[in-house]
């Protein structure tokens, strides 16, 4: 039970100290005399909410100090005291809670600072707050079950049931994960089978896209290539002042001066080599022209096939060797 309560600089209370005797203690008085402030101070001391208005003088800390007798019959309390190694040599425990001007709360148990979570554990064993409409709890199904379990002294059975229920929930979650994993595996298999069928249907070959691209480039430019190859042949051999004739005229003009030095000989040699290279180039251009067929049907086939292969590469974000 509460032995004493000291409140300082809290809301409208500058300082207040109450000492309680044994048995039932009643705080009574008219509305506004501060009864709820005392209850609020106790709630604040044990981790309840706070706000800046709690400070009577906001330059000083608010302090609430509560002392309890240690009841040797309260086994749960003694166990908690032992767990946190609280000194009870004087057979009492004292909770001191401060609210600083910076709105920081500090809680002490027998002079040693503790966390809010720890003080809440003691609160559950030392205090039981009731307010208006608390009777409505009796209509709460969970509260009714709690009363029945306590009346029937079924705490051990309840804990065993809760443990088994948690185990069942855990196993159920594991089963769900396995079923989900199996479903995902089947979906992946179906996806891979579909992809394999799609690739098999298109039936790409390594390097096929590169060869088709070259062929498409040739066919799509066939008319222009033929035209340019014909132009080269005409310019070299058939036109007035053809390139071939000009080179030969240079050779003939310089031939009369070969004996003038090696430089002339070198120039003539370069010109003859150029003429030979020119003949070779014209021959290759002629062969290329003669080998090209203007085939719009084949051009369309190349384009269709290239589109298929490029769509496949784009879909899988891979080149053909990686896909295969």
C-alpha atoms as a PDB file:
ATOM      1  CA  UNK A   1       0.000   0.000   0.000  1.00  0.00           C
ATOM      2  CA  UNK A   2       1.012   3.646  -0.393  1.00  0.00           C
ATOM      3  CA  UNK A   3       2.854   5.066   2.610  1.00  0.00           C
ATOM      4  CA  UNK A   4       3.401   8.612   1.437  1.00  0.00           C
ATOM      5  CA  UNK A   5       3.044  10.914  -1.534  1.00  0.00           C
ATOM      6  CA  UNK A   6       5.031  14.097  -2.170  1.00  0.00           C
ATOM      7  CA  UNK A   7       4.207  16.434  -5.065  1.00  0.00           C
ATOM      8  CA  UNK A   8       6.227  19.516  -5.976  1.00  0.00           C
ATOM      9  CA  UNK A   9       5.821  22.119  -8.744  1.00  0.00           C
ATOM     10  CA  UNK A  10       3.105  20.037 -10.424  1.00  0.00           C
ATOM     11  CA  UNK A  11       0.268  21.808 -12.317  1.00  0.00           C
ATOM     12  CA  UNK A  12      -1.211  24.130  -9.619  1.00  0.00           C
ATOM     13  CA  UNK A  13       0.533  22.439  -6.690  1.00  0.00           C
ATOM     14  CA  UNK A  14       3.630  24.214  -5.406  1.00  0.00           C
ATOM     15  CA  UNK A  15       4.313  21.520  -2.824  1.00  0.00           C
ATOM     16  CA  UNK A  16       2.186  18.873  -1.149  1.00  0.00           C
ATOM     17  CA  UNK A  17       2.963  15.931   1.120  1.00  0.00           C
ATOM     18  CA  UNK A  18       0.472  13.251   2.144  1.00  0.00           C
ATOM     19  CA  UNK A  19       1.006  10.394   4.598  1.00  0.00           C
ATOM     20  CA  UNK A  20      -1.405   7.474   4.523  1.00  0.00           C
ATOM     21  CA  UNK A  21      -2.388   5.179   7.330  1.00  0.00           C
ATOM     22  CA  UNK A  22      -3.409   1.553   7.118  1.00  0.00           C
ATOM     23  CA  UNK A  23      -6.714   0.526   5.617  1.00  0.00           C
ATOM     24  CA  UNK A  24      -9.017   2.400   3.279  1.00  0.00           C
ATOM     25  CA  UNK A  25      -8.055   5.984   2.464  1.00  0.00           C
ATOM     26  CA  UNK A  26     -10.552   8.356   0.841  1.00  0.00           C
ATOM     27  CA  UNK A  27      -9.837  11.711  -0.801  1.00  0.00           C
ATOM     28  CA  UNK A  28     -12.982  13.826  -0.841  1.00  0.00           C
ATOM     29  CA  UNK A  29     -13.843  17.431  -1.553  1.00  0.00           C
ATOM     30  CA  UNK A  30     -15.677  19.766  -3.864  1.00  0.00           C
ATOM     31  CA  UNK A  31     -15.056  19.919  -7.574  1.00  0.00           C
ATOM     32  CA  UNK A  32     -11.841  21.792  -8.352  1.00  0.00           C
ATOM     33  CA  UNK A  33     -10.104  21.149  -5.038  1.00  0.00           C
ATOM     34  CA  UNK A  34      -7.378  19.070  -6.697  1.00  0.00           C
ATOM     35  CA  UNK A  35      -8.388  15.434  -6.202  1.00  0.00           C
ATOM     36  CA  UNK A  36      -7.821  14.595  -9.866  1.00  0.00           C
ATOM     37  CA  UNK A  37      -4.418  16.339  -9.751  1.00  0.00           C
ATOM     38  CA  UNK A  38      -3.270  13.918  -7.047  1.00  0.00           C
ATOM     39  CA  UNK A  39      -4.459  10.940  -9.088  1.00  0.00           C
ATOM     40  CA  UNK A  40      -2.872  12.451 -12.213  1.00  0.00           C
ATOM     41  CA  UNK A  41       0.431  12.891 -10.374  1.00  0.00           C
ATOM     42  CA  UNK A  42       0.459   9.200  -9.408  1.00  0.00           C
ATOM     43  CA  UNK A  43      -0.358   8.220 -12.996  1.00  0.00           C
ATOM     44  CA  UNK A  44       2.442  10.478 -14.307  1.00  0.00           C
ATOM     45  CA  UNK A  45       4.929   9.018 -11.799  1.00  0.00           C
ATOM     46  CA  UNK A  46       4.268   5.539 -13.158  1.00  0.00           C
ATOM     47  CA  UNK A  47       4.745   6.325 -16.846  1.00  0.00           C
ATOM     48  CA  UNK A  48       1.507   8.086 -17.748  1.00  0.00           C
ATOM     49  CA  UNK A  49       1.357  10.810 -20.390  1.00  0.00           C
ATOM     50  CA  UNK A  50       2.574  14.337 -19.666  1.00  0.00           C
ATOM     51  CA  UNK A  51       2.556  17.765 -21.331  1.00  0.00           C
ATOM     52  CA  UNK A  52       4.224  21.172 -20.757  1.00  0.00           C
ATOM     53  CA  UNK A  53       1.302  22.337 -18.573  1.00  0.00           C
ATOM     54  CA  UNK A  54       2.423  19.952 -15.823  1.00  0.00           C
ATOM     55  CA  UNK A  55       5.057  22.472 -14.668  1.00  0.00           C
ATOM     56  CA  UNK A  56       3.756  25.050 -12.160  1.00  0.00           C
ATOM     57  CA  UNK A  57       7.002  27.017 -12.555  1.00  0.00           C
ATOM     58  CA  UNK A  58       8.455  26.128 -15.953  1.00  0.00           C
ATOM     59  CA  UNK A  59      11.961  27.087 -14.810  1.00  0.00           C
ATOM     60  CA  UNK A  60      12.017  24.273 -12.229  1.00  0.00           C
ATOM     61  CA  UNK A  61      11.417  20.522 -12.426  1.00  0.00           C
ATOM     62  CA  UNK A  62       8.188  18.896 -11.311  1.00  0.00           C
ATOM     63  CA  UNK A  63       8.722  16.087  -8.781  1.00  0.00           C
ATOM     64  CA  UNK A  64       6.394  13.291  -7.694  1.00  0.00           C
ATOM     65  CA  UNK A  65       7.648  10.899  -5.007  1.00  0.00           C
ATOM     66  CA  UNK A  66       5.639   7.857  -3.889  1.00  0.00           C
ATOM     67  CA  UNK A  67       6.625   5.393  -1.156  1.00  0.00           C
ATOM     68  CA  UNK A  68       5.100   1.908  -0.821  1.00  0.00           C
ATOM     69  CA  UNK A  69       5.211  -0.757   1.870  1.00  0.00           C
ATOM     70  CA  UNK A  70       6.555  -4.061   0.554  1.00  0.00           C
ATOM     71  CA  UNK A  71       3.932  -6.733   1.156  1.00  0.00           C
ATOM     72  CA  UNK A  72       5.667 -10.058   1.795  1.00  0.00           C
ATOM     73  CA  UNK A  73       2.549 -11.862   0.534  1.00  0.00           C
ATOM     74  CA  UNK A  74       2.809 -10.234  -2.886  1.00  0.00           C
ATOM     75  CA  UNK A  75       5.035 -12.885  -4.471  1.00  0.00           C
ATOM     76  CA  UNK A  76       4.935 -11.276  -7.910  1.00  0.00           C
ATOM     77  CA  UNK A  77       6.175  -7.984  -6.457  1.00  0.00           C
ATOM     78  CA  UNK A  78       8.965  -9.702  -4.518  1.00  0.00           C
ATOM     79  CA  UNK A  79      10.020 -11.554  -7.654  1.00  0.00           C
ATOM     80  CA  UNK A  80      10.169  -8.291  -9.625  1.00  0.00           C
ATOM     81  CA  UNK A  81      12.139  -6.591  -6.822  1.00  0.00           C
ATOM     82  CA  UNK A  82      14.608  -9.475  -6.822  1.00  0.00           C
ATOM     83  CA  UNK A  83      14.893  -9.431 -10.622  1.00  0.00           C
ATOM     84  CA  UNK A  84      15.958  -5.774 -10.620  1.00  0.00           C
ATOM     85  CA  UNK A  85      18.018  -6.115  -7.412  1.00  0.00           C
ATOM     86  CA  UNK A  86      16.120  -3.404  -5.521  1.00  0.00           C
ATOM     87  CA  UNK A  87      17.233  -2.764  -1.935  1.00  0.00           C
ATOM     88  CA  UNK A  88      14.276  -3.322   0.450  1.00  0.00           C
ATOM     89  CA  UNK A  89      16.233  -3.352   3.701  1.00  0.00           C
ATOM     90  CA  UNK A  90      13.791  -0.748   5.064  1.00  0.00           C
ATOM     91  CA  UNK A  91      10.844  -2.813   3.824  1.00  0.00           C
ATOM     92  CA  UNK A  92       9.709  -0.108   1.412  1.00  0.00           C
ATOM     93  CA  UNK A  93      10.289   1.080  -2.131  1.00  0.00           C
ATOM     94  CA  UNK A  94      10.292   4.688  -3.283  1.00  0.00           C
ATOM     95  CA  UNK A  95       9.525   5.900  -6.806  1.00  0.00           C
ATOM     96  CA  UNK A  96      10.677   9.421  -7.714  1.00  0.00           C
ATOM     97  CA  UNK A  97       9.733  10.915 -11.071  1.00  0.00           C
ATOM     98  CA  UNK A  98      11.028  14.248 -12.361  1.00  0.00           C
ATOM     99  CA  UNK A  99       9.853  16.326 -15.314  1.00  0.00           C
ATOM    100  CA  UNK A 100      12.580  18.801 -16.304  1.00  0.00           C
ATOM    101  CA  UNK A 101      11.952  22.240 -17.856  1.00  0.00           C
ATOM    102  CA  UNK A 102      13.159  20.663 -21.125  1.00  0.00           C
ATOM    103  CA  UNK A 103      10.246  18.189 -20.928  1.00  0.00           C
ATOM    104  CA  UNK A 104      12.469  15.208 -20.140  1.00  0.00           C
ATOM    105  CA  UNK A 105      11.138  12.624 -17.704  1.00  0.00           C
ATOM    106  CA  UNK A 106      13.476  10.784 -15.351  1.00  0.00           C
ATOM    107  CA  UNK A 107      12.292   7.938 -13.114  1.00  0.00           C
ATOM    108  CA  UNK A 108      14.161   6.598 -10.074  1.00  0.00           C
ATOM    109  CA  UNK A 109      13.525   3.551  -7.887  1.00  0.00           C
ATOM    110  CA  UNK A 110      15.177   3.835  -4.466  1.00  0.00           C
ATOM    111  CA  UNK A 111      17.546   6.391  -5.959  1.00  0.00           C
ATOM    112  CA  UNK A 112      18.524   4.308  -8.986  1.00  0.00           C
ATOM    113  CA  UNK A 113      17.353   5.447 -12.405  1.00  0.00           C
ATOM    114  CA  UNK A 114      15.058   3.012 -14.238  1.00  0.00           C
ATOM    115  CA  UNK A 115      13.290   2.940 -17.588  1.00  0.00           C
ATOM    116  CA  UNK A 116       9.636   3.636 -18.273  1.00  0.00           C
ATOM    117  CA  UNK A 117       9.085  -0.004 -19.240  1.00  0.00           C
ATOM    118  CA  UNK A 118      10.357  -1.180 -15.829  1.00  0.00           C
ATOM    119  CA  UNK A 119       8.179   1.248 -13.852  1.00  0.00           C
ATOM    120  CA  UNK A 120       5.151   0.034 -15.813  1.00  0.00           C
ATOM    121  CA  UNK A 121       5.850  -3.519 -14.604  1.00  0.00           C
ATOM    122  CA  UNK A 122       5.702  -2.277 -10.998  1.00  0.00           C
ATOM    123  CA  UNK A 123       2.605  -0.202 -11.789  1.00  0.00           C
ATOM    124  CA  UNK A 124       0.699  -3.345 -12.796  1.00  0.00           C
ATOM    125  CA  UNK A 125       1.453  -4.880  -9.379  1.00  0.00           C
ATOM    126  CA  UNK A 126       1.040  -1.807  -7.155  1.00  0.00           C
ATOM    127  CA  UNK A 127      -1.752   0.264  -8.694  1.00  0.00           C
ATOM    128  CA  UNK A 128      -5.185  -0.302 -10.142  1.00  0.00           C
ATOM    129  CA  UNK A 129      -6.850   2.804 -11.588  1.00  0.00           C
ATOM    130  CA  UNK A 130     -10.625   2.930 -11.976  1.00  0.00           C
ATOM    131  CA  UNK A 131     -12.687   5.629 -13.618  1.00  0.00           C
ATOM    132  CA  UNK A 132     -16.235   6.340 -14.716  1.00  0.00           C
ATOM    133  CA  UNK A 133     -17.864   3.681 -16.886  1.00  0.00           C
ATOM    134  CA  UNK A 134     -15.351   1.031 -15.745  1.00  0.00           C
ATOM    135  CA  UNK A 135     -18.373  -1.224 -15.192  1.00  0.00           C
ATOM    136  CA  UNK A 136     -18.636  -1.527 -18.961  1.00  0.00           C
ATOM    137  CA  UNK A 137     -15.617  -3.858 -18.857  1.00  0.00           C
ATOM    138  CA  UNK A 138     -17.898  -6.589 -17.551  1.00  0.00           C
ATOM    139  CA  UNK A 139     -19.499  -6.751 -20.989  1.00  0.00           C
ATOM    140  CA  UNK A 140     -16.121  -7.271 -22.632  1.00  0.00           C
ATOM    141  CA  UNK A 141     -15.716 -10.915 -23.702  1.00  0.00           C
ATOM    142  CA  UNK A 142     -11.987 -11.000 -22.987  1.00  0.00           C
ATOM    143  CA  UNK A 143     -12.533  -9.602 -19.490  1.00  0.00           C
ATOM    144  CA  UNK A 144     -15.216 -12.222 -18.828  1.00  0.00           C
ATOM    145  CA  UNK A 145     -12.863 -15.008 -19.911  1.00  0.00           C
ATOM    146  CA  UNK A 146     -10.124 -13.591 -17.688  1.00  0.00           C
ATOM    147  CA  UNK A 147     -12.464 -13.651 -14.657  1.00  0.00           C
ATOM    148  CA  UNK A 148     -13.510 -17.243 -15.400  1.00  0.00           C
ATOM    149  CA  UNK A 149      -9.890 -18.379 -15.769  1.00  0.00           C
ATOM    150  CA  UNK A 150      -8.928 -16.739 -12.464  1.00  0.00           C
ATOM    151  CA  UNK A 151     -11.980 -18.130 -10.662  1.00  0.00           C
ATOM    152  CA  UNK A 152     -11.240 -21.637 -11.905  1.00  0.00           C
ATOM    153  CA  UNK A 153      -7.524 -21.280 -11.100  1.00  0.00           C
ATOM    154  CA  UNK A 154      -6.776 -22.123 -14.727  1.00  0.00           C
ATOM    155  CA  UNK A 155      -3.685 -19.951 -15.187  1.00  0.00           C
ATOM    156  CA  UNK A 156      -1.419 -22.963 -15.725  1.00  0.00           C
ATOM    157  CA  UNK A 157      -3.807 -24.520 -18.229  1.00  0.00           C
ATOM    158  CA  UNK A 158      -4.260 -21.126 -19.914  1.00  0.00           C
ATOM    159  CA  UNK A 159      -0.511 -20.649 -20.347  1.00  0.00           C
ATOM    160  CA  UNK A 160      -0.189 -24.198 -21.700  1.00  0.00           C
ATOM    161  CA  UNK A 161      -3.047 -23.555 -24.122  1.00  0.00           C
ATOM    162  CA  UNK A 162      -1.526 -20.249 -25.228  1.00  0.00           C
ATOM    163  CA  UNK A 163       1.847 -21.931 -25.769  1.00  0.00           C
ATOM    164  CA  UNK A 164       0.296 -24.689 -27.867  1.00  0.00           C
ATOM    165  CA  UNK A 165      -1.781 -22.146 -29.764  1.00  0.00           C
ATOM    166  CA  UNK A 166       1.368 -20.168 -30.623  1.00  0.00           C
ATOM    167  CA  UNK A 167       3.036 -23.388 -31.772  1.00  0.00           C
ATOM    168  CA  UNK A 168       0.045 -24.185 -33.992  1.00  0.00           C
ATOM    169  CA  UNK A 169       0.124 -20.660 -35.417  1.00  0.00           C
ATOM    170  CA  UNK A 170       3.851 -20.993 -36.087  1.00  0.00           C
ATOM    171  CA  UNK A 171       3.375 -24.357 -37.808  1.00  0.00           C
ATOM    172  CA  UNK A 172       0.469 -22.933 -39.788  1.00  0.00           C
ATOM    173  CA  UNK A 173       2.661 -20.062 -40.968  1.00  0.00           C
ATOM    174  CA  UNK A 174       5.410 -22.500 -41.953  1.00  0.00           C
ATOM    175  CA  UNK A 175       2.885 -24.620 -43.863  1.00  0.00           C
ATOM    176  CA  UNK A 176       1.588 -21.509 -45.612  1.00  0.00           C
ATOM    177  CA  UNK A 177       5.142 -20.554 -46.571  1.00  0.00           C
ATOM    178  CA  UNK A 178       5.765 -24.050 -47.954  1.00  0.00           C
ATOM    179  CA  UNK A 179       2.514 -23.982 -49.915  1.00  0.00           C
ATOM    180  CA  UNK A 180       3.302 -20.516 -51.216  1.00  0.00           C
ATOM    181  CA  UNK A 181       6.803 -21.655 -52.156  1.00  0.00           C
ATOM    182  CA  UNK A 182       5.411 -24.693 -53.989  1.00  0.00           C
ATOM    183  CA  UNK A 183       2.913 -22.507 -55.835  1.00  0.00           C
ATOM    184  CA  UNK A 184       5.653 -20.071 -56.830  1.00  0.00           C
ATOM    185  CA  UNK A 185       7.838 -22.978 -57.974  1.00  0.00           C
ATOM    186  CA  UNK A 186       5.035 -24.322 -60.167  1.00  0.00           C
ATOM    187  CA  UNK A 187       4.476 -20.854 -61.629  1.00  0.00           C
ATOM    188  CA  UNK A 188       8.192 -20.547 -62.420  1.00  0.00           C
ATOM    189  CA  UNK A 189       8.165 -23.970 -64.093  1.00  0.00           C
ATOM    190  CA  UNK A 190       5.191 -22.935 -66.241  1.00  0.00           C
ATOM    191  CA  UNK A 191       6.955 -19.697 -67.135  1.00  0.00           C
ATOM    192  CA  UNK A 192      10.162 -21.523 -68.092  1.00  0.00           C
ATOM    193  CA  UNK A 193       8.193 -24.055 -70.170  1.00  0.00           C
ATOM    194  CA  UNK A 194       6.425 -21.231 -71.996  1.00  0.00           C
ATOM    195  CA  UNK A 195       9.714 -19.431 -72.620  1.00  0.00           C
ATOM    196  CA  UNK A 196      11.335 -22.641 -73.897  1.00  0.00           C
ATOM    197  CA  UNK A 197       8.418 -23.227 -76.299  1.00  0.00           C
ATOM    198  CA  UNK A 198       8.604 -19.629 -77.494  1.00  0.00           C
ATOM    199  CA  UNK A 199      12.358 -19.842 -78.154  1.00  0.00           C
ATOM    200  CA  UNK A 200      11.993 -23.242 -79.817  1.00  0.00           C
ATOM    201  CA  UNK A 201       9.244 -21.897 -82.074  1.00  0.00           C
ATOM    202  CA  UNK A 202      11.383 -18.944 -83.212  1.00  0.00           C
ATOM    203  CA  UNK A 203      14.390 -21.298 -83.450  1.00  0.00           C
ATOM    204  CA  UNK A 204      17.180 -18.693 -83.552  1.00  0.00           C
ATOM    205  CA  UNK A 205      20.739 -19.576 -84.577  1.00  0.00           C
ATOM    206  CA  UNK A 206      23.923 -18.113 -83.156  1.00  0.00           C
ATOM    207  CA  UNK A 207      25.104 -15.290 -85.426  1.00  0.00           C
ATOM    208  CA  UNK A 208      21.888 -15.393 -87.461  1.00  0.00           C
ATOM    209  CA  UNK A 209      20.918 -11.846 -86.522  1.00  0.00           C
ATOM    210  CA  UNK A 210      24.301 -10.462 -87.596  1.00  0.00           C
ATOM    211  CA  UNK A 211      24.200 -12.227 -90.980  1.00  0.00           C
ATOM    212  CA  UNK A 212      20.613 -11.150 -91.594  1.00  0.00           C
ATOM    213  CA  UNK A 213      21.477  -7.572 -90.707  1.00  0.00           C
ATOM    214  CA  UNK A 214      24.265  -7.564 -93.307  1.00  0.00           C
ATOM    215  CA  UNK A 215      21.955  -9.074 -95.930  1.00  0.00           C
ATOM    216  CA  UNK A 216      19.209  -6.583 -95.108  1.00  0.00           C
ATOM    217  CA  UNK A 217      21.655  -3.680 -95.407  1.00  0.00           C
ATOM    218  CA  UNK A 218      22.720  -4.958 -98.853  1.00  0.00           C
ATOM    219  CA  UNK A 219      19.191  -5.609-100.152  1.00  0.00           C
ATOM    220  CA  UNK A 220      17.736  -2.362 -98.819  1.00  0.00           C
ATOM    221  CA  UNK A 221      20.513  -0.408-100.604  1.00  0.00           C
ATOM    222  CA  UNK A 222      20.716  -2.634-103.729  1.00  0.00           C
ATOM    223  CA  UNK A 223      19.557  -0.025-106.249  1.00  0.00           C
ATOM    224  CA  UNK A 224      21.941   2.625-104.940  1.00  0.00           C
ATOM    225  CA  UNK A 225      24.898   0.208-104.790  1.00  0.00           C
ATOM    226  CA  UNK A 226      24.304  -0.938-108.401  1.00  0.00           C
ATOM    227  CA  UNK A 227      24.044   2.671-109.489  1.00  0.00           C
ATOM    228  CA  UNK A 228      27.294   3.670-107.776  1.00  0.00           C
ATOM    229  CA  UNK A 229      29.202   0.612-109.058  1.00  0.00           C
ATOM    230  CA  UNK A 230      28.103   1.456-112.636  1.00  0.00           C
ATOM    231  CA  UNK A 231      29.131   5.082-112.117  1.00  0.00           C
ATOM    232  CA  UNK A 232      32.612   4.004-110.945  1.00  0.00           C
ATOM    233  CA  UNK A 233      33.133   1.809-114.033  1.00  0.00           C
ATOM    234  CA  UNK A 234      31.995   4.562-116.388  1.00  0.00           C
ATOM    235  CA  UNK A 235      34.092   7.228-114.662  1.00  0.00           C
ATOM    236  CA  UNK A 236      37.220   5.092-114.801  1.00  0.00           C
ATOM    237  CA  UNK A 237      36.935   3.746-118.378  1.00  0.00           C
ATOM    238  CA  UNK A 238      34.097   5.207-120.441  1.00  0.00           C
ATOM    239  CA  UNK A 239      33.816   8.914-119.697  1.00  0.00           C
ATOM    240  CA  UNK A 240      35.642  11.636-121.576  1.00  0.00           C
ATOM    241  CA  UNK A 241      38.876  12.276-119.751  1.00  0.00           C
ATOM    242  CA  UNK A 242      38.347   9.046-117.804  1.00  0.00           C
ATOM    243  CA  UNK A 243      40.465   8.463-114.708  1.00  0.00           C
ATOM    244  CA  UNK A 244      42.242   5.539-116.372  1.00  0.00           C
ATOM    245  CA  UNK A 245      43.124   7.617-119.442  1.00  0.00           C
ATOM    246  CA  UNK A 246      44.411  10.485-117.316  1.00  0.00           C
ATOM    247  CA  UNK A 247      46.715   8.199-115.324  1.00  0.00           C
ATOM    248  CA  UNK A 248      48.062   6.596-118.518  1.00  0.00           C
ATOM    249  CA  UNK A 249      48.687  10.020-120.033  1.00  0.00           C
ATOM    250  CA  UNK A 250      50.720  10.937-116.919  1.00  0.00           C
ATOM    251  CA  UNK A 251      52.740   7.754-117.335  1.00  0.00           C
ATOM    252  CA  UNK A 252      53.387   8.431-121.033  1.00  0.00           C
ATOM    253  CA  UNK A 253      54.472  12.023-120.417  1.00  0.00           C
ATOM    254  CA  UNK A 254      56.912  11.071-117.686  1.00  0.00           C
ATOM    255  CA  UNK A 255      58.338   8.049-119.519  1.00  0.00           C
ATOM    256  CA  UNK A 256      60.452  10.335-121.743  1.00  0.00           C
ATOM    257  CA  UNK A 257      62.264  11.557-118.619  1.00  0.00           C
ATOM    258  CA  UNK A 258      62.990   8.253-116.851  1.00  0.00           C
ATOM    259  CA  UNK A 259      66.697   8.664-117.405  1.00  0.00           C
ATOM    260  CA  UNK A 260      66.562  12.006-115.564  1.00  0.00           C
ATOM    261  CA  UNK A 261      66.677  10.302-112.216  1.00  0.00           C
ATOM    262  CA  UNK A 262      65.189   7.778-109.839  1.00  0.00           C
ATOM    263  CA  UNK A 263      62.526  10.193-108.643  1.00  0.00           C
ATOM    264  CA  UNK A 264      60.848  10.151-112.059  1.00  0.00           C
ATOM    265  CA  UNK A 265      61.023   6.361-112.072  1.00  0.00           C
ATOM    266  CA  UNK A 266      59.392   6.206-108.643  1.00  0.00           C
ATOM    267  CA  UNK A 267      56.541   8.476-109.747  1.00  0.00           C
ATOM    268  CA  UNK A 268      55.908   6.359-112.852  1.00  0.00           C
ATOM    269  CA  UNK A 269      55.937   3.247-110.645  1.00  0.00           C
ATOM    270  CA  UNK A 270      53.366   4.777-108.301  1.00  0.00           C
ATOM    271  CA  UNK A 271      51.128   5.754-111.207  1.00  0.00           C
ATOM    272  CA  UNK A 272      51.292   2.245-112.722  1.00  0.00           C
ATOM    273  CA  UNK A 273      50.479   0.792-109.297  1.00  0.00           C
ATOM    274  CA  UNK A 274      47.541   3.188-108.978  1.00  0.00           C
ATOM    275  CA  UNK A 275      46.293   2.149-112.413  1.00  0.00           C
ATOM    276  CA  UNK A 276      46.528  -1.523-111.417  1.00  0.00           C
ATOM    277  CA  UNK A 277      44.706  -0.876-108.132  1.00  0.00           C
ATOM    278  CA  UNK A 278      42.093   1.102-110.004  1.00  0.00           C
ATOM    279  CA  UNK A 279      41.531  -1.790-112.404  1.00  0.00           C
ATOM    280  CA  UNK A 280      41.158  -4.137-109.427  1.00  0.00           C
ATOM    281  CA  UNK A 281      38.685  -1.798-107.721  1.00  0.00           C
ATOM    282  CA  UNK A 282      36.588  -1.484-110.867  1.00  0.00           C
ATOM    283  CA  UNK A 283      36.618  -5.274-111.273  1.00  0.00           C
ATOM    284  CA  UNK A 284      35.376  -5.727-107.677  1.00  0.00           C
ATOM    285  CA  UNK A 285      32.694  -3.075-108.163  1.00  0.00           C
ATOM    286  CA  UNK A 286      31.551  -4.823-111.353  1.00  0.00           C
ATOM    287  CA  UNK A 287      31.416  -8.204-109.594  1.00  0.00           C
ATOM    288  CA  UNK A 288      29.464  -6.712-106.695  1.00  0.00           C
ATOM    289  CA  UNK A 289      26.987  -5.084-109.064  1.00  0.00           C
ATOM    290  CA  UNK A 290      26.489  -8.309-110.992  1.00  0.00           C
ATOM    291  CA  UNK A 291      26.003 -10.340-107.782  1.00  0.00           C
ATOM    292  CA  UNK A 292      23.266  -8.117-106.385  1.00  0.00           C
ATOM    293  CA  UNK A 293      19.642  -8.880-107.130  1.00  0.00           C
ATOM    294  CA  UNK A 294      16.875  -6.443-106.366  1.00  0.00           C
ATOM    295  CA  UNK A 295      14.620  -8.845-104.434  1.00  0.00           C
ATOM    296  CA  UNK A 296      11.848  -7.096-102.514  1.00  0.00           C
ATOM    297  CA  UNK A 297      10.406 -10.416-101.313  1.00  0.00           C
ATOM    298  CA  UNK A 298      13.704 -11.498 -99.754  1.00  0.00           C
ATOM    299  CA  UNK A 299      14.104  -8.036 -98.246  1.00  0.00           C
ATOM    300  CA  UNK A 300      10.714  -8.404 -96.540  1.00  0.00           C
ATOM    301  CA  UNK A 301      11.657 -11.888 -95.276  1.00  0.00           C
ATOM    302  CA  UNK A 302      14.887 -10.542 -93.768  1.00  0.00           C
ATOM    303  CA  UNK A 303      13.047  -7.679 -92.124  1.00  0.00           C
ATOM    304  CA  UNK A 304      10.377  -9.964 -90.627  1.00  0.00           C
ATOM    305  CA  UNK A 305      12.959 -12.407 -89.284  1.00  0.00           C
ATOM    306  CA  UNK A 306      15.114  -9.615 -87.851  1.00  0.00           C
ATOM    307  CA  UNK A 307      12.084  -8.187 -86.065  1.00  0.00           C
ATOM    308  CA  UNK A 308      11.406 -11.608 -84.501  1.00  0.00           C
ATOM    309  CA  UNK A 309      14.993 -12.002 -83.323  1.00  0.00           C
ATOM    310  CA  UNK A 310      15.270  -8.437 -82.029  1.00  0.00           C
ATOM    311  CA  UNK A 311      11.963  -8.784 -80.150  1.00  0.00           C
ATOM    312  CA  UNK A 312      13.277 -11.980 -78.549  1.00  0.00           C
ATOM    313  CA  UNK A 313      16.532 -10.279 -77.501  1.00  0.00           C
ATOM    314  CA  UNK A 314      14.639  -7.277 -76.156  1.00  0.00           C
ATOM    315  CA  UNK A 315      12.228  -9.438 -74.163  1.00  0.00           C
ATOM    316  CA  UNK A 316      14.940 -11.447 -72.410  1.00  0.00           C
ATOM    317  CA  UNK A 317      17.490  -8.606 -72.427  1.00  0.00           C
ATOM    318  CA  UNK A 318      20.095 -11.008 -73.811  1.00  0.00           C
ATOM    319  CA  UNK A 319      21.975 -11.671 -77.024  1.00  0.00           C
ATOM    320  CA  UNK A 320      21.241 -14.859 -78.992  1.00  0.00           C
ATOM    321  CA  UNK A 321      24.203 -16.879 -77.600  1.00  0.00           C
ATOM    322  CA  UNK A 322      22.981 -16.158 -74.036  1.00  0.00           C
ATOM    323  CA  UNK A 323      19.383 -17.060 -74.899  1.00  0.00           C
ATOM    324  CA  UNK A 324      20.466 -20.343 -76.423  1.00  0.00           C
END
